[in-house]
Amino acid sequence: TDAASESIRKPVQYFAVIIKPDAALLFAGTDAPAAYANVASIGHLTDHEADITAKLAAEAEKHLGVPSDRFYVQFTEKEAHEW
């Protein structure tokens, strides 16, 4: 959560992280270690997507052993009333 918080410039208390280590994920046609992240935010995403992706990919590699080329991030900007 710290990596995302720094990138989006929002306090860490507004973040939630779910890790499902036993989830089946096929990525690029193989079942080699991979990770998928869905980052949703009320604003502050568009200008920071590359930075957020790089930081989250580095964390996934460090803590989960997932190479950065097998890490995918989906970004979703939300309106305040959608949260």
C-alpha atoms as a PDB file:
ATOM      1  CA  THR A   1       0.000   0.000   0.000  1.00  0.00           C
ATOM      2  CA  ASP A   2       2.876   2.408   0.643  1.00  0.00           C
ATOM      3  CA  ALA A   3       4.061   2.223  -2.982  1.00  0.00           C
ATOM      4  CA  ALA A   4       0.602   3.054  -4.326  1.00  0.00           C
ATOM      5  CA  SER A   5       0.027   5.737  -1.717  1.00  0.00           C
ATOM      6  CA  GLU A   6       3.229   7.520  -2.668  1.00  0.00           C
ATOM      7  CA  SER A   7       2.458   7.353  -6.397  1.00  0.00           C
ATOM      8  CA  ILE A   8      -1.124   8.598  -6.186  1.00  0.00           C
ATOM      9  CA  ARG A   9      -0.333  11.027  -3.376  1.00  0.00           C
ATOM     10  CA  LYS A  10      -3.163   9.845  -1.149  1.00  0.00           C
ATOM     11  CA  PRO A  11      -2.856   8.733   2.476  1.00  0.00           C
ATOM     12  CA  VAL A  12      -2.248   5.014   2.957  1.00  0.00           C
ATOM     13  CA  GLN A  13      -5.357   4.699   5.132  1.00  0.00           C
ATOM     14  CA  TYR A  14      -7.446   5.037   1.937  1.00  0.00           C
ATOM     15  CA  PHE A  15      -5.976   1.872   0.391  1.00  0.00           C
ATOM     16  CA  ALA A  16      -6.997  -1.758   0.533  1.00  0.00           C
ATOM     17  CA  VAL A  17      -4.946  -4.639  -0.809  1.00  0.00           C
ATOM     18  CA  ILE A  18      -6.134  -8.169  -1.460  1.00  0.00           C
ATOM     19  CA  ILE A  19      -3.585 -10.853  -2.263  1.00  0.00           C
ATOM     20  CA  LYS A  20      -4.838 -14.231  -3.469  1.00  0.00           C
ATOM     21  CA  PRO A  21      -1.718 -16.400  -3.701  1.00  0.00           C
ATOM     22  CA  ASP A  22      -3.596 -19.531  -4.797  1.00  0.00           C
ATOM     23  CA  ALA A  23      -5.592 -17.872  -7.593  1.00  0.00           C
ATOM     24  CA  ALA A  24      -5.184 -19.482 -11.012  1.00  0.00           C
ATOM     25  CA  LEU A  25      -3.826 -16.946 -13.503  1.00  0.00           C
ATOM     26  CA  LEU A  26      -2.809 -17.618 -17.085  1.00  0.00           C
ATOM     27  CA  PHE A  27      -0.778 -14.741 -18.487  1.00  0.00           C
ATOM     28  CA  ALA A  28       0.722 -14.638 -21.990  1.00  0.00           C
ATOM     29  CA  GLY A  29      -0.308 -18.238 -22.503  1.00  0.00           C
ATOM     30  CA  THR A  30       1.503 -19.771 -19.521  1.00  0.00           C
ATOM     31  CA  ASP A  31       0.852 -20.459 -15.861  1.00  0.00           C
ATOM     32  CA  ALA A  32       4.288 -19.190 -14.774  1.00  0.00           C
ATOM     33  CA  PRO A  33       4.152 -16.790 -11.787  1.00  0.00           C
ATOM     34  CA  ALA A  34       2.158 -13.681 -12.698  1.00  0.00           C
ATOM     35  CA  ALA A  35       0.153 -10.973 -10.955  1.00  0.00           C
ATOM     36  CA  TYR A  36      -2.800  -8.757 -11.770  1.00  0.00           C
ATOM     37  CA  ALA A  37      -3.708  -5.554  -9.930  1.00  0.00           C
ATOM     38  CA  ASN A  38      -6.821  -3.422 -10.154  1.00  0.00           C
ATOM     39  CA  VAL A  39      -6.167   0.127  -8.974  1.00  0.00           C
ATOM     40  CA  ALA A  40      -9.291   2.234  -8.487  1.00  0.00           C
ATOM     41  CA  SER A  41      -9.216   5.796  -7.251  1.00  0.00           C
ATOM     42  CA  ILE A  42     -11.276   8.939  -7.047  1.00  0.00           C
ATOM     43  CA  GLY A  43      -9.062  10.958  -9.363  1.00  0.00           C
ATOM     44  CA  HIS A  44      -5.251  11.181  -9.343  1.00  0.00           C
ATOM     45  CA  LEU A  45      -4.604   8.214 -11.669  1.00  0.00           C
ATOM     46  CA  THR A  46      -4.209   9.445 -15.236  1.00  0.00           C
ATOM     47  CA  ASP A  47      -0.941  11.315 -14.755  1.00  0.00           C
ATOM     48  CA  HIS A  48       0.590   8.637 -12.527  1.00  0.00           C
ATOM     49  CA  GLU A  49      -0.141   5.305 -14.228  1.00  0.00           C
ATOM     50  CA  ALA A  50       3.445   4.604 -15.368  1.00  0.00           C
ATOM     51  CA  ASP A  51       4.887   5.445 -11.945  1.00  0.00           C
ATOM     52  CA  ILE A  52       2.262   3.380 -10.119  1.00  0.00           C
ATOM     53  CA  THR A  53       2.809   0.409 -12.439  1.00  0.00           C
ATOM     54  CA  ALA A  54       6.585   0.524 -11.983  1.00  0.00           C
ATOM     55  CA  LYS A  55       6.356   0.713  -8.193  1.00  0.00           C
ATOM     56  CA  LEU A  56       3.738  -2.026  -7.883  1.00  0.00           C
ATOM     57  CA  ALA A  57       5.645  -4.284 -10.292  1.00  0.00           C
ATOM     58  CA  ALA A  58       8.804  -3.835  -8.220  1.00  0.00           C
ATOM     59  CA  GLU A  59       6.879  -4.766  -5.065  1.00  0.00           C
ATOM     60  CA  ALA A  60       5.334  -7.819  -6.754  1.00  0.00           C
ATOM     61  CA  GLU A  61       8.775  -8.977  -7.833  1.00  0.00           C
ATOM     62  CA  LYS A  62      10.350  -8.344  -4.432  1.00  0.00           C
ATOM     63  CA  HIS A  63       7.630  -9.914  -2.280  1.00  0.00           C
ATOM     64  CA  LEU A  64       5.927 -12.415  -4.596  1.00  0.00           C
ATOM     65  CA  GLY A  65       8.680 -13.366  -7.042  1.00  0.00           C
ATOM     66  CA  VAL A  66       6.641 -12.177 -10.032  1.00  0.00           C
ATOM     67  CA  PRO A  67       8.775 -10.787 -12.890  1.00  0.00           C
ATOM     68  CA  SER A  68       7.740  -7.293 -13.973  1.00  0.00           C
ATOM     69  CA  ASP A  69       6.963  -8.506 -17.487  1.00  0.00           C
ATOM     70  CA  ARG A  70       4.307 -10.814 -16.011  1.00  0.00           C
ATOM     71  CA  PHE A  71       2.544  -8.089 -14.040  1.00  0.00           C
ATOM     72  CA  TYR A  72      -0.562  -6.296 -15.342  1.00  0.00           C
ATOM     73  CA  VAL A  73      -2.359  -3.304 -13.853  1.00  0.00           C
ATOM     74  CA  GLN A  74      -5.887  -2.157 -14.672  1.00  0.00           C
ATOM     75  CA  PHE A  75      -6.671   1.439 -13.731  1.00  0.00           C
ATOM     76  CA  THR A  76     -10.183   2.663 -12.966  1.00  0.00           C
ATOM     77  CA  GLU A  77     -10.995   6.292 -12.189  1.00  0.00           C
ATOM     78  CA  LYS A  78     -14.095   6.622 -10.019  1.00  0.00           C
ATOM     79  CA  GLU A  79     -16.378   9.513  -9.188  1.00  0.00           C
ATOM     80  CA  ALA A  80     -16.906  10.233  -5.494  1.00  0.00           C
ATOM     81  CA  HIS A  81     -20.515   9.012  -5.630  1.00  0.00           C
ATOM     82  CA  GLU A  82     -19.359   5.622  -6.990  1.00  0.00           C
ATOM     83  CA  TRP A  83     -17.292   4.788  -3.918  1.00  0.00           C
END
